[in-house]
Amino acid sequence: MGTVTLRQVAELTGKSEATVSLVLNSRQFHRVSPRTRAMIQRVAAELGYVPNMQAQALVKGKTRSIAITAIGMTPFYNEYIRRLTHLFEARHYNVFAFETMLSPEREKQVVTWVSQGLFDGCICLEYNYSNRDFYEGLVRSGTPHVFRGWNALEFYPEHMIRVDYRSAISDLFAHLEEQGYRRLSVIIDSSSYFVEEDAFSVRKSLYYELIHNRRLVIDPEAWITVPIDVENHLRYCYEKTREMLTLCPDVDVLIVQSASEIPAVYKAIAESGRRIGIDFAVATFDRIPMLDYMTPPVSYIYEPSEMVADIIAGEMLAQLHESHSPGGECKVKALLALNASTRRQSER
């Protein structure tokens, strides 16, 4: 059977195509009596009529498209994009994800497209010090927007979802201290730096703040920063971990910012003669399926990404007048999952 048309629905209901279109393709359905509206909707459902999204866009002046910006198409951001795509497509919106790779020009271009009306709204999955100026115009103009971020800013836009890592990191440090670990190393991506020339990182500052007054210390010689554009990312992590373990023999903890780097790190630690969960601890960020297959299982800090994505979608749909949402600033806490990689095991 071919595509069901407005004309077919109109013929079976005895109403004009204009009236049927008002009910099925327009926000002006209130101009039609409830009885007629119910009849048209019933016949359309029986025929399997699907609204013409292009026609709706012309009538309403909307594209029914949402732009999403993300630093990179990593497992972490892909999980958000997957969930948001599912939620918006269920409401007949198209989702376009753009990888910025920390390029200001890439991000500005997407924001310009949104400002020009090519998209109905914009979702920024990593709103921070480095890119907040790009979105000021959207905020001032009232263009639908939602931001997700974790950095401690001096002010927050109204439609921002803040993910608080502070308590989860503090709990991890307390656990490591309790297990008898003392000297930390860190692998961090350069995406956490907003002024790379000064090597200043918000996450780095947070680590030093939360480790204060503990018996744990961060070895400054064991801080590994991975360039976002480095070739063969895993090979780089592997080699730098091997090098760090040779140069810093007292280090007994490695915190890995990205869970996707864990296989390379595990291999480097094993080849150095260290034993994860016995004389060496590893923890990471993000909950990705690969972690379930690592031995020993990895401790990790993670965002409740499905819940955050649901909040993001609700905020956006409310601004698009598609649903109700209380709006305003929202704060969500990251969670800690403790596994064998940080629990001190007895030697066999």
C-alpha atoms as a PDB file:
ATOM      1  CA  MET A   1       0.000   0.000   0.000  1.00  0.00           C
ATOM      2  CA  GLY A   2       1.307   3.459  -0.921  1.00  0.00           C
ATOM      3  CA  THR A   3       1.622   6.513   1.286  1.00  0.00           C
ATOM      4  CA  VAL A   4      -1.678   7.663   2.714  1.00  0.00           C
ATOM      5  CA  THR A   5      -2.486  11.236   1.657  1.00  0.00           C
ATOM      6  CA  LEU A   6      -4.524  14.057   3.141  1.00  0.00           C
ATOM      7  CA  ARG A   7      -6.927  13.708   0.198  1.00  0.00           C
ATOM      8  CA  GLN A   8      -7.701  10.100   1.139  1.00  0.00           C
ATOM      9  CA  VAL A   9      -8.400  11.061   4.743  1.00  0.00           C
ATOM     10  CA  ALA A  10     -10.545  13.978   3.541  1.00  0.00           C
ATOM     11  CA  GLU A  11     -12.601  11.757   1.207  1.00  0.00           C
ATOM     12  CA  LEU A  12     -13.385   9.229   3.953  1.00  0.00           C
ATOM     13  CA  THR A  13     -14.330  11.906   6.482  1.00  0.00           C
ATOM     14  CA  GLY A  14     -16.272  14.106   4.091  1.00  0.00           C
ATOM     15  CA  LYS A  15     -14.191  17.105   5.098  1.00  0.00           C
ATOM     16  CA  SER A  16     -11.959  19.396   3.057  1.00  0.00           C
ATOM     17  CA  GLU A  17      -8.217  18.804   2.786  1.00  0.00           C
ATOM     18  CA  ALA A  18      -7.694  22.161   4.502  1.00  0.00           C
ATOM     19  CA  THR A  19      -9.714  21.039   7.522  1.00  0.00           C
ATOM     20  CA  VAL A  20      -7.907  17.699   7.679  1.00  0.00           C
ATOM     21  CA  SER A  21      -4.549  19.484   7.445  1.00  0.00           C
ATOM     22  CA  LEU A  22      -5.512  21.784  10.312  1.00  0.00           C
ATOM     23  CA  VAL A  23      -6.076  18.729  12.493  1.00  0.00           C
ATOM     24  CA  LEU A  24      -3.152  16.575  11.426  1.00  0.00           C
ATOM     25  CA  ASN A  25      -0.400  18.969  10.311  1.00  0.00           C
ATOM     26  CA  SER A  26      -0.953  22.187  12.205  1.00  0.00           C
ATOM     27  CA  ARG A  27      -1.072  23.704  15.657  1.00  0.00           C
ATOM     28  CA  GLN A  28      -4.363  25.336  14.607  1.00  0.00           C
ATOM     29  CA  PHE A  29      -6.428  22.192  15.292  1.00  0.00           C
ATOM     30  CA  HIS A  30      -8.387  24.153  17.940  1.00  0.00           C
ATOM     31  CA  ARG A  31     -10.166  25.869  15.029  1.00  0.00           C
ATOM     32  CA  VAL A  32     -11.910  22.550  14.338  1.00  0.00           C
ATOM     33  CA  SER A  33     -14.700  21.259  16.578  1.00  0.00           C
ATOM     34  CA  PRO A  34     -13.740  18.454  18.992  1.00  0.00           C
ATOM     35  CA  ARG A  35     -16.193  16.066  17.303  1.00  0.00           C
ATOM     36  CA  THR A  36     -14.772  16.641  13.807  1.00  0.00           C
ATOM     37  CA  ARG A  37     -11.247  16.546  15.127  1.00  0.00           C
ATOM     38  CA  ALA A  38     -11.829  13.173  16.808  1.00  0.00           C
ATOM     39  CA  MET A  39     -13.330  11.726  13.614  1.00  0.00           C
ATOM     40  CA  ILE A  40     -10.431  12.896  11.452  1.00  0.00           C
ATOM     41  CA  GLN A  41      -7.855  11.562  13.918  1.00  0.00           C
ATOM     42  CA  ARG A  42      -9.645   8.198  14.090  1.00  0.00           C
ATOM     43  CA  VAL A  43      -9.771   7.787  10.303  1.00  0.00           C
ATOM     44  CA  ALA A  44      -6.135   8.895   9.934  1.00  0.00           C
ATOM     45  CA  ALA A  45      -5.065   6.317  12.514  1.00  0.00           C
ATOM     46  CA  GLU A  46      -7.044   3.548  10.789  1.00  0.00           C
ATOM     47  CA  LEU A  47      -5.437   4.381   7.454  1.00  0.00           C
ATOM     48  CA  GLY A  48      -1.947   4.674   8.956  1.00  0.00           C
ATOM     49  CA  TYR A  49      -1.515   8.294   7.941  1.00  0.00           C
ATOM     50  CA  VAL A  50       1.964   9.733   8.700  1.00  0.00           C
ATOM     51  CA  PRO A  51       2.249  13.553   8.963  1.00  0.00           C
ATOM     52  CA  ASN A  52       4.288  15.269   6.269  1.00  0.00           C
ATOM     53  CA  MET A  53       7.103  16.811   8.272  1.00  0.00           C
ATOM     54  CA  GLN A  54       8.183  19.145   5.442  1.00  0.00           C
ATOM     55  CA  ALA A  55       4.664  20.492   5.147  1.00  0.00           C
ATOM     56  CA  GLN A  56       4.516  21.054   8.897  1.00  0.00           C
ATOM     57  CA  ALA A  57       7.827  22.873   8.791  1.00  0.00           C
ATOM     58  CA  LEU A  58       6.561  25.247   6.102  1.00  0.00           C
ATOM     59  CA  VAL A  59       3.340  25.941   7.995  1.00  0.00           C
ATOM     60  CA  LYS A  60       4.998  26.440  11.380  1.00  0.00           C
ATOM     61  CA  GLY A  61       8.259  27.990  10.245  1.00  0.00           C
ATOM     62  CA  LYS A  62      10.183  25.201  11.940  1.00  0.00           C
ATOM     63  CA  THR A  63      12.726  22.675  10.677  1.00  0.00           C
ATOM     64  CA  ARG A  64      12.029  20.005  13.322  1.00  0.00           C
ATOM     65  CA  SER A  65      15.776  19.541  13.549  1.00  0.00           C
ATOM     66  CA  ILE A  66      18.028  19.768  16.605  1.00  0.00           C
ATOM     67  CA  ALA A  67      21.793  20.393  16.512  1.00  0.00           C
ATOM     68  CA  ILE A  68      24.049  18.724  19.080  1.00  0.00           C
ATOM     69  CA  THR A  69      27.679  19.720  19.595  1.00  0.00           C
ATOM     70  CA  ALA A  70      30.193  17.373  21.244  1.00  0.00           C
ATOM     71  CA  ILE A  71      33.968  17.492  21.571  1.00  0.00           C
ATOM     72  CA  GLY A  72      34.357  14.094  19.910  1.00  0.00           C
ATOM     73  CA  MET A  73      32.405  10.991  18.960  1.00  0.00           C
ATOM     74  CA  THR A  74      33.757   9.027  21.908  1.00  0.00           C
ATOM     75  CA  PRO A  75      31.835   6.242  23.698  1.00  0.00           C
ATOM     76  CA  PHE A  76      30.887   8.804  26.366  1.00  0.00           C
ATOM     77  CA  TYR A  77      29.339  11.339  23.982  1.00  0.00           C
ATOM     78  CA  ASN A  78      27.933   8.653  21.688  1.00  0.00           C
ATOM     79  CA  GLU A  79      25.856   7.340  24.576  1.00  0.00           C
ATOM     80  CA  TYR A  80      24.303  10.784  25.015  1.00  0.00           C
ATOM     81  CA  ILE A  81      23.755  11.216  21.271  1.00  0.00           C
ATOM     82  CA  ARG A  82      22.166   7.757  20.982  1.00  0.00           C
ATOM     83  CA  ARG A  83      19.714   8.440  23.800  1.00  0.00           C
ATOM     84  CA  LEU A  84      18.850  11.970  22.646  1.00  0.00           C
ATOM     85  CA  THR A  85      18.337  10.789  19.063  1.00  0.00           C
ATOM     86  CA  HIS A  86      15.910   8.136  20.290  1.00  0.00           C
ATOM     87  CA  LEU A  87      13.967  10.633  22.424  1.00  0.00           C
ATOM     88  CA  PHE A  88      13.696  13.316  19.733  1.00  0.00           C
ATOM     89  CA  GLU A  89      12.893  10.964  16.859  1.00  0.00           C
ATOM     90  CA  ALA A  90      10.001   9.662  18.939  1.00  0.00           C
ATOM     91  CA  ARG A  91       8.665  13.244  18.756  1.00  0.00           C
ATOM     92  CA  HIS A  92       9.368  13.488  15.007  1.00  0.00           C
ATOM     93  CA  TYR A  93      12.506  15.619  15.321  1.00  0.00           C
ATOM     94  CA  ASN A  94      15.709  15.004  13.389  1.00  0.00           C
ATOM     95  CA  VAL A  95      18.990  15.121  15.309  1.00  0.00           C
ATOM     96  CA  PHE A  96      22.304  16.256  13.814  1.00  0.00           C
ATOM     97  CA  ALA A  97      25.444  15.684  15.909  1.00  0.00           C
ATOM     98  CA  PHE A  98      28.563  17.756  15.218  1.00  0.00           C
ATOM     99  CA  GLU A  99      32.054  16.875  16.413  1.00  0.00           C
ATOM    100  CA  THR A 100      33.947  20.060  17.366  1.00  0.00           C
ATOM    101  CA  MET A 101      37.376  18.512  18.188  1.00  0.00           C
ATOM    102  CA  LEU A 102      38.028  21.600  20.349  1.00  0.00           C
ATOM    103  CA  SER A 103      37.979  23.762  17.216  1.00  0.00           C
ATOM    104  CA  PRO A 104      36.381  27.162  17.924  1.00  0.00           C
ATOM    105  CA  GLU A 105      35.588  27.598  14.231  1.00  0.00           C
ATOM    106  CA  ARG A 106      33.686  24.305  14.058  1.00  0.00           C
ATOM    107  CA  GLU A 107      31.590  25.176  17.087  1.00  0.00           C
ATOM    108  CA  LYS A 108      30.941  28.749  15.961  1.00  0.00           C
ATOM    109  CA  GLN A 109      29.752  27.467  12.583  1.00  0.00           C
ATOM    110  CA  VAL A 110      27.133  25.208  14.179  1.00  0.00           C
ATOM    111  CA  VAL A 111      25.935  28.037  16.421  1.00  0.00           C
ATOM    112  CA  THR A 112      25.697  30.292  13.352  1.00  0.00           C
ATOM    113  CA  TRP A 113      23.538  27.705  11.564  1.00  0.00           C
ATOM    114  CA  VAL A 114      21.218  27.567  14.570  1.00  0.00           C
ATOM    115  CA  SER A 115      21.027  31.370  14.675  1.00  0.00           C
ATOM    116  CA  GLN A 116      20.147  31.408  10.967  1.00  0.00           C
ATOM    117  CA  GLY A 117      17.180  29.118  11.592  1.00  0.00           C
ATOM    118  CA  LEU A 118      18.573  25.933  10.051  1.00  0.00           C
ATOM    119  CA  PHE A 119      17.812  24.201  13.357  1.00  0.00           C
ATOM    120  CA  ASP A 120      15.035  24.752  15.886  1.00  0.00           C
ATOM    121  CA  GLY A 121      17.384  24.407  18.847  1.00  0.00           C
ATOM    122  CA  CYS A 122      20.875  23.555  19.998  1.00  0.00           C
ATOM    123  CA  ILE A 123      22.252  21.178  22.639  1.00  0.00           C
ATOM    124  CA  CYS A 124      25.851  21.644  23.779  1.00  0.00           C
ATOM    125  CA  LEU A 125      27.137  18.520  25.535  1.00  0.00           C
ATOM    126  CA  GLU A 126      30.279  20.202  26.866  1.00  0.00           C
ATOM    127  CA  TYR A 127      29.590  23.766  27.977  1.00  0.00           C
ATOM    128  CA  ASN A 128      32.601  25.309  29.735  1.00  0.00           C
ATOM    129  CA  TYR A 129      34.943  28.277  29.975  1.00  0.00           C
ATOM    130  CA  SER A 130      36.309  27.886  26.466  1.00  0.00           C
ATOM    131  CA  ASN A 131      33.054  27.931  24.482  1.00  0.00           C
ATOM    132  CA  ARG A 132      30.450  29.735  26.571  1.00  0.00           C
ATOM    133  CA  ASP A 133      30.874  32.997  24.626  1.00  0.00           C
ATOM    134  CA  PHE A 134      29.798  31.185  21.425  1.00  0.00           C
ATOM    135  CA  TYR A 135      26.306  30.615  22.814  1.00  0.00           C
ATOM    136  CA  GLU A 136      25.583  34.026  24.317  1.00  0.00           C
ATOM    137  CA  GLY A 137      23.705  35.147  21.207  1.00  0.00           C
ATOM    138  CA  LEU A 138      21.417  32.102  21.344  1.00  0.00           C
ATOM    139  CA  VAL A 139      20.694  32.726  25.014  1.00  0.00           C
ATOM    140  CA  ARG A 140      19.905  36.420  24.441  1.00  0.00           C
ATOM    141  CA  SER A 141      17.681  35.719  21.436  1.00  0.00           C
ATOM    142  CA  GLY A 142      15.651  33.084  23.268  1.00  0.00           C
ATOM    143  CA  THR A 143      16.573  30.365  20.774  1.00  0.00           C
ATOM    144  CA  PRO A 144      15.845  26.980  22.401  1.00  0.00           C
ATOM    145  CA  HIS A 145      19.066  25.684  23.942  1.00  0.00           C
ATOM    146  CA  VAL A 146      20.242  23.264  26.613  1.00  0.00           C
ATOM    147  CA  PHE A 147      23.780  22.950  27.942  1.00  0.00           C
ATOM    148  CA  ARG A 148      25.449  20.103  29.820  1.00  0.00           C
ATOM    149  CA  GLY A 149      28.637  20.767  31.756  1.00  0.00           C
ATOM    150  CA  TRP A 150      30.537  19.992  34.933  1.00  0.00           C
ATOM    151  CA  ASN A 151      32.981  22.877  35.290  1.00  0.00           C
ATOM    152  CA  ALA A 152      32.544  25.273  38.198  1.00  0.00           C
ATOM    153  CA  LEU A 153      31.611  28.537  36.507  1.00  0.00           C
ATOM    154  CA  GLU A 154      30.918  31.826  38.211  1.00  0.00           C
ATOM    155  CA  PHE A 155      27.468  31.894  36.599  1.00  0.00           C
ATOM    156  CA  TYR A 156      25.245  29.394  34.809  1.00  0.00           C
ATOM    157  CA  PRO A 157      22.739  29.880  31.984  1.00  0.00           C
ATOM    158  CA  GLU A 158      19.139  29.077  32.845  1.00  0.00           C
ATOM    159  CA  HIS A 159      18.882  25.910  30.759  1.00  0.00           C
ATOM    160  CA  MET A 160      22.020  24.148  31.942  1.00  0.00           C
ATOM    161  CA  ILE A 161      22.406  20.663  33.354  1.00  0.00           C
ATOM    162  CA  ARG A 162      25.325  20.621  35.799  1.00  0.00           C
ATOM    163  CA  VAL A 163      26.956  17.285  36.539  1.00  0.00           C
ATOM    164  CA  ASP A 164      28.695  17.414  39.924  1.00  0.00           C
ATOM    165  CA  TYR A 165      31.766  15.162  40.136  1.00  0.00           C
ATOM    166  CA  ARG A 166      33.000  16.547  43.436  1.00  0.00           C
ATOM    167  CA  SER A 167      31.470  14.054  45.870  1.00  0.00           C
ATOM    168  CA  ALA A 168      32.212  10.995  43.692  1.00  0.00           C
ATOM    169  CA  ILE A 169      35.892  11.945  43.308  1.00  0.00           C
ATOM    170  CA  SER A 170      36.136  12.663  47.032  1.00  0.00           C
ATOM    171  CA  ASP A 171      34.625   9.238  47.813  1.00  0.00           C
ATOM    172  CA  LEU A 172      37.104   7.577  45.453  1.00  0.00           C
ATOM    173  CA  PHE A 173      40.046   9.295  47.171  1.00  0.00           C
ATOM    174  CA  ALA A 174      38.719   8.224  50.586  1.00  0.00           C
ATOM    175  CA  HIS A 175      38.421   4.624  49.352  1.00  0.00           C
ATOM    176  CA  LEU A 176      41.967   4.612  47.937  1.00  0.00           C
ATOM    177  CA  GLU A 177      43.322   6.008  51.194  1.00  0.00           C
ATOM    178  CA  GLU A 178      41.438   3.385  53.183  1.00  0.00           C
ATOM    179  CA  GLN A 179      42.904   0.642  50.985  1.00  0.00           C
ATOM    180  CA  GLY A 180      46.406   1.847  51.775  1.00  0.00           C
ATOM    181  CA  TYR A 181      47.297   3.444  48.445  1.00  0.00           C
ATOM    182  CA  ARG A 182      49.370   6.605  48.653  1.00  0.00           C
ATOM    183  CA  ARG A 183      50.755   8.055  45.414  1.00  0.00           C
ATOM    184  CA  LEU A 184      48.576   8.972  42.441  1.00  0.00           C
ATOM    185  CA  SER A 185      49.241   9.378  38.750  1.00  0.00           C
ATOM    186  CA  VAL A 186      46.712  10.700  36.248  1.00  0.00           C
ATOM    187  CA  ILE A 187      46.058  10.318  32.523  1.00  0.00           C
ATOM    188  CA  ILE A 188      43.956  13.193  31.263  1.00  0.00           C
ATOM    189  CA  ASP A 189      42.881  14.337  27.792  1.00  0.00           C
ATOM    190  CA  SER A 190      43.787  17.829  26.644  1.00  0.00           C
ATOM    191  CA  SER A 191      40.056  18.479  26.197  1.00  0.00           C
ATOM    192  CA  SER A 192      39.976  19.191  29.930  1.00  0.00           C
ATOM    193  CA  TYR A 193      42.241  22.194  29.401  1.00  0.00           C
ATOM    194  CA  PHE A 194      40.703  25.492  28.438  1.00  0.00           C
ATOM    195  CA  VAL A 195      44.018  27.398  28.422  1.00  0.00           C
ATOM    196  CA  GLU A 196      46.461  24.812  27.128  1.00  0.00           C
ATOM    197  CA  GLU A 197      49.343  27.266  26.941  1.00  0.00           C
ATOM    198  CA  ASP A 198      49.207  27.642  30.717  1.00  0.00           C
ATOM    199  CA  ALA A 199      48.508  23.928  31.244  1.00  0.00           C
ATOM    200  CA  PHE A 200      45.609  24.866  33.490  1.00  0.00           C
ATOM    201  CA  SER A 201      42.872  22.319  33.923  1.00  0.00           C
ATOM    202  CA  VAL A 202      39.660  22.593  35.906  1.00  0.00           C
ATOM    203  CA  ARG A 203      39.737  18.857  36.559  1.00  0.00           C
ATOM    204  CA  LYS A 204      43.368  19.056  37.685  1.00  0.00           C
ATOM    205  CA  SER A 205      42.493  21.812  40.138  1.00  0.00           C
ATOM    206  CA  LEU A 206      39.597  19.729  41.441  1.00  0.00           C
ATOM    207  CA  TYR A 207      41.883  16.752  42.071  1.00  0.00           C
ATOM    208  CA  TYR A 208      44.337  18.838  44.049  1.00  0.00           C
ATOM    209  CA  GLU A 209      41.543  20.481  46.031  1.00  0.00           C
ATOM    210  CA  LEU A 210      39.871  17.199  46.999  1.00  0.00           C
ATOM    211  CA  ILE A 211      43.115  15.417  47.877  1.00  0.00           C
ATOM    212  CA  HIS A 212      44.089  18.169  50.312  1.00  0.00           C
ATOM    213  CA  ASN A 213      44.587  16.998  53.917  1.00  0.00           C
ATOM    214  CA  ARG A 214      44.648  13.337  52.890  1.00  0.00           C
ATOM    215  CA  ARG A 215      47.530  10.914  53.112  1.00  0.00           C
ATOM    216  CA  LEU A 216      47.272  10.607  49.342  1.00  0.00           C
ATOM    217  CA  VAL A 217      49.468  12.752  47.101  1.00  0.00           C
ATOM    218  CA  ILE A 218      49.510  13.401  43.374  1.00  0.00           C
ATOM    219  CA  ASP A 219      52.936  12.883  41.838  1.00  0.00           C
ATOM    220  CA  PRO A 220      53.468  15.921  39.563  1.00  0.00           C
ATOM    221  CA  GLU A 221      55.921  13.912  37.463  1.00  0.00           C
ATOM    222  CA  ALA A 222      53.255  11.282  36.823  1.00  0.00           C
ATOM    223  CA  TRP A 223      50.675  13.565  35.208  1.00  0.00           C
ATOM    224  CA  ILE A 224      50.109  12.481  31.599  1.00  0.00           C
ATOM    225  CA  THR A 225      48.221  14.777  29.210  1.00  0.00           C
ATOM    226  CA  VAL A 226      47.039  13.158  25.979  1.00  0.00           C
ATOM    227  CA  PRO A 227      46.709  15.546  22.979  1.00  0.00           C
ATOM    228  CA  ILE A 228      43.218  15.270  21.524  1.00  0.00           C
ATOM    229  CA  ASP A 229      44.596  15.047  17.973  1.00  0.00           C
ATOM    230  CA  VAL A 230      47.372  12.538  18.705  1.00  0.00           C
ATOM    231  CA  GLU A 231      47.718   9.728  16.183  1.00  0.00           C
ATOM    232  CA  ASN A 232      47.069   6.229  17.538  1.00  0.00           C
ATOM    233  CA  HIS A 233      45.536   7.354  20.812  1.00  0.00           C
ATOM    234  CA  LEU A 234      45.769   3.973  22.581  1.00  0.00           C
ATOM    235  CA  ARG A 235      49.388   3.442  21.574  1.00  0.00           C
ATOM    236  CA  TYR A 236      50.241   6.865  23.028  1.00  0.00           C
ATOM    237  CA  CYS A 237      48.530   5.991  26.343  1.00  0.00           C
ATOM    238  CA  TYR A 238      50.278   2.632  26.473  1.00  0.00           C
ATOM    239  CA  GLU A 239      53.743   4.058  25.858  1.00  0.00           C
ATOM    240  CA  LYS A 240      53.307   6.999  28.236  1.00  0.00           C
ATOM    241  CA  THR A 241      52.035   4.683  30.990  1.00  0.00           C
ATOM    242  CA  ARG A 242      55.049   2.392  30.570  1.00  0.00           C
ATOM    243  CA  GLU A 243      57.358   5.412  30.666  1.00  0.00           C
ATOM    244  CA  MET A 244      55.635   6.871  33.747  1.00  0.00           C
ATOM    245  CA  LEU A 245      55.830   3.578  35.671  1.00  0.00           C
ATOM    246  CA  THR A 246      59.573   3.394  34.982  1.00  0.00           C
ATOM    247  CA  LEU A 247      60.264   7.003  35.984  1.00  0.00           C
ATOM    248  CA  CYS A 248      57.908   7.010  39.006  1.00  0.00           C
ATOM    249  CA  PRO A 249      58.298   3.645  40.774  1.00  0.00           C
ATOM    250  CA  ASP A 250      56.543   4.887  43.945  1.00  0.00           C
ATOM    251  CA  VAL A 251      53.249   5.529  42.128  1.00  0.00           C
ATOM    252  CA  ASP A 252      50.634   2.958  43.131  1.00  0.00           C
ATOM    253  CA  VAL A 253      47.421   4.486  41.680  1.00  0.00           C
ATOM    254  CA  LEU A 254      46.518   5.528  38.152  1.00  0.00           C
ATOM    255  CA  ILE A 255      43.361   7.522  37.457  1.00  0.00           C
ATOM    256  CA  VAL A 256      42.393   7.363  33.789  1.00  0.00           C
ATOM    257  CA  GLN A 257      40.066  10.078  32.559  1.00  0.00           C
ATOM    258  CA  SER A 258      38.632   8.115  29.632  1.00  0.00           C
ATOM    259  CA  ALA A 259      37.468   4.508  30.054  1.00  0.00           C
ATOM    260  CA  SER A 260      38.291   3.798  26.404  1.00  0.00           C
ATOM    261  CA  GLU A 261      41.997   3.990  27.359  1.00  0.00           C
ATOM    262  CA  ILE A 262      41.765   1.214  29.969  1.00  0.00           C
ATOM    263  CA  PRO A 263      42.942  -1.719  27.744  1.00  0.00           C
ATOM    264  CA  ALA A 264      46.150   0.125  26.860  1.00  0.00           C
ATOM    265  CA  VAL A 265      46.727   1.059  30.502  1.00  0.00           C
ATOM    266  CA  TYR A 266      46.084  -2.491  31.756  1.00  0.00           C
ATOM    267  CA  LYS A 267      48.575  -3.871  29.234  1.00  0.00           C
ATOM    268  CA  ALA A 268      51.262  -1.350  30.235  1.00  0.00           C
ATOM    269  CA  ILE A 269      50.800  -2.038  33.955  1.00  0.00           C
ATOM    270  CA  ALA A 270      50.941  -5.810  33.485  1.00  0.00           C
ATOM    271  CA  GLU A 271      54.118  -5.576  31.405  1.00  0.00           C
ATOM    272  CA  SER A 272      55.745  -3.391  34.062  1.00  0.00           C
ATOM    273  CA  GLY A 273      55.319  -6.147  36.638  1.00  0.00           C
ATOM    274  CA  ARG A 274      52.657  -4.346  38.691  1.00  0.00           C
ATOM    275  CA  ARG A 275      49.551  -6.241  39.816  1.00  0.00           C
ATOM    276  CA  ILE A 276      46.244  -4.413  39.623  1.00  0.00           C
ATOM    277  CA  GLY A 277      44.215  -4.873  42.794  1.00  0.00           C
ATOM    278  CA  ILE A 278      47.241  -6.125  44.754  1.00  0.00           C
ATOM    279  CA  ASP A 279      50.001  -3.518  44.657  1.00  0.00           C
ATOM    280  CA  PHE A 280      48.507  -1.115  42.122  1.00  0.00           C
ATOM    281  CA  ALA A 281      45.068   0.507  41.739  1.00  0.00           C
ATOM    282  CA  VAL A 282      43.305   1.762  38.610  1.00  0.00           C
ATOM    283  CA  ALA A 283      40.149   3.873  38.418  1.00  0.00           C
ATOM    284  CA  THR A 284      38.494   5.580  35.478  1.00  0.00           C
ATOM    285  CA  PHE A 285      35.549   7.669  34.325  1.00  0.00           C
ATOM    286  CA  ASP A 286      32.509   6.703  32.260  1.00  0.00           C
ATOM    287  CA  ARG A 287      30.491   3.512  32.234  1.00  0.00           C
ATOM    288  CA  ILE A 288      31.034   1.770  28.904  1.00  0.00           C
ATOM    289  CA  PRO A 289      30.364  -1.919  28.051  1.00  0.00           C
ATOM    290  CA  MET A 290      34.052  -2.726  27.578  1.00  0.00           C
ATOM    291  CA  LEU A 291      34.663  -2.341  31.311  1.00  0.00           C
ATOM    292  CA  ASP A 292      32.611  -5.484  32.015  1.00  0.00           C
ATOM    293  CA  TYR A 293      35.237  -7.576  30.200  1.00  0.00           C
ATOM    294  CA  MET A 294      38.352  -6.282  31.952  1.00  0.00           C
ATOM    295  CA  THR A 295      40.163  -8.376  34.573  1.00  0.00           C
ATOM    296  CA  PRO A 296      40.077  -7.318  37.321  1.00  0.00           C
ATOM    297  CA  PRO A 297      36.849  -5.280  36.979  1.00  0.00           C
ATOM    298  CA  VAL A 298      37.506  -1.538  36.963  1.00  0.00           C
ATOM    299  CA  SER A 299      36.303   1.002  39.517  1.00  0.00           C
ATOM    300  CA  TYR A 300      34.761   4.006  37.770  1.00  0.00           C
ATOM    301  CA  ILE A 301      32.960   7.289  38.249  1.00  0.00           C
ATOM    302  CA  TYR A 302      30.062   7.807  35.893  1.00  0.00           C
ATOM    303  CA  GLU A 303      27.208  10.101  35.018  1.00  0.00           C
ATOM    304  CA  PRO A 304      23.664   8.727  35.070  1.00  0.00           C
ATOM    305  CA  SER A 305      23.640   9.528  31.353  1.00  0.00           C
ATOM    306  CA  GLU A 306      20.161   8.251  30.524  1.00  0.00           C
ATOM    307  CA  MET A 307      18.648  10.367  33.283  1.00  0.00           C
ATOM    308  CA  VAL A 308      20.658  13.427  32.216  1.00  0.00           C
ATOM    309  CA  ALA A 309      19.691  12.882  28.563  1.00  0.00           C
ATOM    310  CA  ASP A 310      16.043  12.645  29.583  1.00  0.00           C
ATOM    311  CA  ILE A 311      16.349  15.951  31.446  1.00  0.00           C
ATOM    312  CA  ILE A 312      18.071  17.570  28.454  1.00  0.00           C
ATOM    313  CA  ALA A 313      15.339  16.372  26.076  1.00  0.00           C
ATOM    314  CA  GLY A 314      12.609  17.535  28.461  1.00  0.00           C
ATOM    315  CA  GLU A 315      14.153  21.004  28.734  1.00  0.00           C
ATOM    316  CA  MET A 316      14.470  21.313  24.961  1.00  0.00           C
ATOM    317  CA  LEU A 317      10.965  20.049  24.207  1.00  0.00           C
ATOM    318  CA  ALA A 318       9.531  22.452  26.777  1.00  0.00           C
ATOM    319  CA  GLN A 319      11.231  25.381  25.028  1.00  0.00           C
ATOM    320  CA  LEU A 320       9.853  24.089  21.730  1.00  0.00           C
ATOM    321  CA  HIS A 321       6.386  23.998  23.364  1.00  0.00           C
ATOM    322  CA  GLU A 322       6.194  20.234  22.882  1.00  0.00           C
ATOM    323  CA  SER A 323       6.014  19.335  26.570  1.00  0.00           C
ATOM    324  CA  HIS A 324       6.102  20.793  30.045  1.00  0.00           C
ATOM    325  CA  SER A 325       9.295  21.063  32.061  1.00  0.00           C
ATOM    326  CA  PRO A 326       9.976  23.097  35.206  1.00  0.00           C
ATOM    327  CA  GLY A 327      13.076  24.601  33.556  1.00  0.00           C
ATOM    328  CA  GLY A 328      15.895  26.376  35.319  1.00  0.00           C
ATOM    329  CA  GLU A 329      19.272  25.167  36.463  1.00  0.00           C
ATOM    330  CA  CYS A 330      19.525  21.451  37.249  1.00  0.00           C
ATOM    331  CA  LYS A 331      22.271  19.696  39.189  1.00  0.00           C
ATOM    332  CA  VAL A 332      22.944  15.953  38.942  1.00  0.00           C
ATOM    333  CA  LYS A 333      25.552  14.053  40.933  1.00  0.00           C
ATOM    334  CA  ALA A 334      28.026  11.655  39.346  1.00  0.00           C
ATOM    335  CA  LEU A 335      28.149   8.173  40.883  1.00  0.00           C
ATOM    336  CA  LEU A 336      30.965   5.871  42.011  1.00  0.00           C
ATOM    337  CA  ALA A 337      31.147   2.141  41.270  1.00  0.00           C
ATOM    338  CA  LEU A 338      33.860   0.381  43.290  1.00  0.00           C
ATOM    339  CA  ASN A 339      35.301  -2.832  41.878  1.00  0.00           C
ATOM    340  CA  ALA A 340      38.348  -5.065  42.281  1.00  0.00           C
ATOM    341  CA  SER A 341      40.803  -2.741  40.518  1.00  0.00           C
ATOM    342  CA  THR A 342      40.939  -0.502  43.607  1.00  0.00           C
ATOM    343  CA  ARG A 343      40.224  -3.043  46.350  1.00  0.00           C
ATOM    344  CA  ARG A 344      43.441  -4.294  47.882  1.00  0.00           C
ATOM    345  CA  GLN A 345      43.550  -8.069  47.441  1.00  0.00           C
ATOM    346  CA  SER A 346      45.853 -10.435  49.306  1.00  0.00           C
ATOM    347  CA  GLU A 347      48.637 -12.049  47.285  1.00  0.00           C
ATOM    348  CA  ARG A 348      48.110 -15.637  46.233  1.00  0.00           C
END
